[in-house]
Amino acid sequence: MPDIRDLDEVCSRCGGWASTCKYNHFHQGDLEIHSWEHKCPDCGNRQTTAFRSDSEDLDTSGRQQRVCPYCGRSAPPP
């Protein structure tokens, strides 16, 4: 189940104030995915980033994927 939080942040495209930060976590077998999305519901502008455990570039400490790359908020406890 995704964790969605409202932001006090202005949309760079339309200037709206209703942007959200969404975190989602998927884990099955050896694969783990952490995904982040910032989205403006007014105009649909969005930014997304996902971290996969099978990626060669992944920070193995687990810190990188549990922090939003756009606003810096931490993911909820597992």
Protein backbone atom coordinates (compact mmCIF):
# COMPACT_ATOMS: atom_id res chain seq x y z
CA MET A 1 0.00 0.00 0.00
CA PRO A 2 1.53 3.35 -0.99
CA ASP A 3 2.25 6.06 1.55
CA ILE A 4 1.01 9.41 0.15
CA ARG A 5 1.65 12.75 1.83
CA ASP A 6 0.51 16.25 0.90
CA LEU A 7 3.28 18.77 0.29
CA ASP A 8 3.52 22.50 0.86
CA GLU A 9 5.27 22.83 -2.47
CA VAL A 10 4.50 24.82 -5.60
CA CYS A 11 4.18 22.93 -8.88
CA SER A 12 6.85 24.10 -11.31
CA ARG A 13 4.44 23.81 -14.26
CA CYS A 14 1.12 25.32 -13.09
CA GLY A 15 1.93 26.97 -9.74
CA GLY A 16 -0.62 24.84 -7.86
CA TRP A 17 -0.13 24.05 -4.16
CA ALA A 18 -1.69 20.57 -3.96
CA SER A 19 1.35 18.43 -4.85
CA THR A 20 1.85 15.02 -3.24
CA CYS A 21 4.79 12.76 -2.40
CA LYS A 22 4.06 9.05 -2.85
CA TYR A 23 6.25 6.18 -1.61
CA ASN A 24 5.64 2.58 -2.60
CA HIS A 25 7.54 -0.56 -1.59
CA PHE A 26 7.44 -3.96 -3.30
CA HIS A 27 9.23 -7.09 -2.07
CA GLN A 28 9.05 -10.57 -3.57
CA GLY A 29 11.81 -13.16 -3.26
CA ASP A 30 15.16 -11.51 -3.95
CA LEU A 31 13.62 -8.48 -5.69
CA GLU A 32 12.87 -5.32 -3.73
CA ILE A 33 11.67 -2.06 -5.29
CA HIS A 34 11.32 1.34 -3.60
CA SER A 35 9.56 3.96 -5.73
CA TRP A 36 8.95 7.69 -5.23
CA GLU A 37 6.62 10.04 -7.09
CA HIS A 38 5.94 13.77 -6.78
CA LYS A 39 2.74 14.72 -8.58
CA CYS A 40 0.55 17.76 -9.05
CA PRO A 41 -3.13 16.75 -9.22
CA ASP A 42 -4.03 20.04 -10.93
CA CYS A 43 -1.94 19.61 -14.10
CA GLY A 44 -0.58 16.04 -13.81
CA ASN A 45 3.08 17.10 -13.76
CA ARG A 46 5.09 14.36 -12.07
CA GLN A 47 8.58 13.17 -11.27
CA THR A 48 9.32 9.52 -10.53
CA THR A 49 12.31 7.51 -9.34
CA ALA A 50 12.55 3.80 -8.49
CA PHE A 51 15.32 1.84 -6.82
CA ARG A 52 15.59 -1.89 -7.61
CA SER A 53 17.62 -4.33 -5.53
CA ASP A 54 18.91 -5.99 -8.71
CA SER A 55 20.43 -2.71 -10.00
CA GLU A 56 24.22 -2.56 -10.15
CA ASP A 57 24.19 1.14 -9.14
CA LEU A 58 22.18 0.67 -5.93
CA ASP A 59 23.59 1.92 -2.63
CA THR A 60 23.67 -1.32 -0.61
CA SER A 61 23.33 0.47 2.75
CA GLY A 62 19.58 0.87 2.07
CA ARG A 63 19.59 4.59 2.92
CA GLN A 64 19.37 5.95 -0.62
CA GLN A 65 16.15 4.16 -1.52
CA ARG A 66 14.35 5.00 1.76
CA VAL A 67 14.69 8.80 1.27
CA CYS A 68 12.69 10.75 -1.31
CA PRO A 69 15.08 12.19 -3.91
CA TYR A 70 12.80 15.22 -4.39
CA CYS A 71 11.85 16.41 -0.89
CA GLY A 72 14.09 14.35 1.41
CA ARG A 73 11.36 12.77 3.54
CA SER A 74 12.03 9.31 4.93
CA ALA A 75 9.95 6.25 4.09
CA PRO A 76 7.74 4.88 6.86
CA PRO A 77 9.20 2.04 8.95
CA PRO A 78 8.93 -1.39 7.27
